[in-house]
Amino acid sequence: MSAPHPNPIVEELAQRRTRLECILEAHSAVLRKKPANLVSEAYERMQEGFAQPGDHWFPKDAAEKDKNVKRMEEICATTSTSIEA
């Protein structure tokens, strides 16, 4: 007797769960920190970046704007592999 064919929805959910468990395990030390520490550390990392809250950036030409819009769309389409990214 052969095994039944797996339900694709169940298989997808199982894969997502496994992926999330791996991410959580890999970053368990960060997750165990107090929430206030996570927020303050994230704020400090943001402050070290090149942009500051309230800064405005305007591209000088349309080609530069299009290039940066495309890059932002790529970033938004990616799946994070880290709790900090």
Protein backbone atom coordinates (compact mmCIF):
# COMPACT_ATOMS: atom_id res chain seq x y z
CA MET A 1 0.00 0.00 0.00
CA SER A 2 1.46 3.37 -0.99
CA ALA A 3 1.42 6.49 1.16
CA PRO A 4 -1.23 9.09 0.31
CA HIS A 5 -0.14 12.11 -1.67
CA PRO A 6 0.59 15.00 0.70
CA ASN A 7 -1.72 17.96 0.66
CA PRO A 8 0.26 20.87 -0.88
CA ILE A 9 -1.17 23.35 1.63
CA VAL A 10 -0.13 21.17 4.57
CA GLU A 11 3.31 20.70 3.03
CA GLU A 12 3.75 24.46 2.54
CA LEU A 13 2.67 25.20 6.12
CA ALA A 14 5.06 22.56 7.45
CA GLN A 15 7.92 24.08 5.46
CA ARG A 16 7.09 27.58 6.72
CA ARG A 17 6.96 26.33 10.31
CA THR A 18 10.32 24.59 9.94
CA ARG A 19 11.85 27.71 8.39
CA LEU A 20 10.52 29.92 11.21
CA GLU A 21 11.73 27.49 13.87
CA CYS A 22 15.21 27.55 12.33
CA ILE A 23 15.25 31.36 12.29
CA LEU A 24 14.01 31.56 15.88
CA GLU A 25 16.56 29.02 17.06
CA ALA A 26 19.40 30.79 15.26
CA HIS A 27 18.44 34.08 16.89
CA SER A 28 17.26 32.80 20.25
CA ALA A 29 19.86 34.85 22.17
CA VAL A 30 18.55 38.06 20.63
CA LEU A 31 14.95 37.04 21.31
CA ARG A 32 15.71 36.41 24.99
CA LYS A 33 16.78 40.01 25.53
CA LYS A 34 14.38 42.39 27.18
CA PRO A 35 12.16 44.17 24.64
CA ALA A 36 13.40 47.57 25.84
CA ASN A 37 16.97 46.52 25.03
CA LEU A 38 15.98 45.37 21.55
CA VAL A 39 14.35 48.71 20.80
CA SER A 40 17.24 50.77 22.13
CA GLU A 41 19.83 48.66 20.28
CA ALA A 42 17.86 48.94 17.03
CA TYR A 43 17.59 52.71 17.51
CA GLU A 44 21.36 52.97 18.11
CA ARG A 45 22.07 50.96 14.94
CA MET A 46 19.77 53.26 13.00
CA GLN A 47 21.53 56.34 14.37
CA GLU A 48 24.88 54.98 13.16
CA GLY A 49 23.60 54.79 9.58
CA PHE A 50 24.05 57.49 7.01
CA ALA A 51 20.46 58.72 7.28
CA GLN A 52 19.02 60.35 10.35
CA PRO A 53 15.34 60.64 11.33
CA GLY A 54 13.80 63.57 9.49
CA ASP A 55 16.42 63.62 6.73
CA HIS A 56 15.09 64.03 3.21
CA TRP A 57 16.83 62.74 0.13
CA PHE A 58 16.01 63.74 -3.37
CA PRO A 59 17.76 62.12 -6.35
CA LYS A 60 19.40 64.57 -8.72
CA ASP A 61 18.17 62.91 -11.92
CA ALA A 62 15.48 60.50 -13.07
CA ALA A 63 17.92 57.65 -13.85
CA GLU A 64 19.21 57.68 -10.29
CA LYS A 65 15.65 57.75 -8.94
CA ASP A 66 14.62 54.78 -11.08
CA LYS A 67 17.70 52.81 -10.02
CA ASN A 68 16.97 53.42 -6.34
CA VAL A 69 13.25 52.66 -6.66
CA LYS A 70 14.15 49.35 -8.31
CA ARG A 71 16.61 48.54 -5.51
CA MET A 72 14.01 49.32 -2.82
CA GLU A 73 11.47 47.09 -4.58
CA GLU A 74 14.05 44.26 -4.58
CA ILE A 75 14.69 44.76 -0.87
CA CYS A 76 10.97 44.72 -0.09
CA ALA A 77 10.47 41.54 -2.11
CA THR A 78 13.15 39.56 -0.24
CA THR A 79 12.41 37.30 2.70
CA SER A 80 14.35 38.12 5.81
CA THR A 81 16.75 35.46 7.09
CA SER A 82 17.59 37.27 10.29
CA ILE A 83 15.64 38.89 13.07
CA GLU A 84 17.80 42.00 12.65
CA ALA A 85 17.60 42.29 8.88
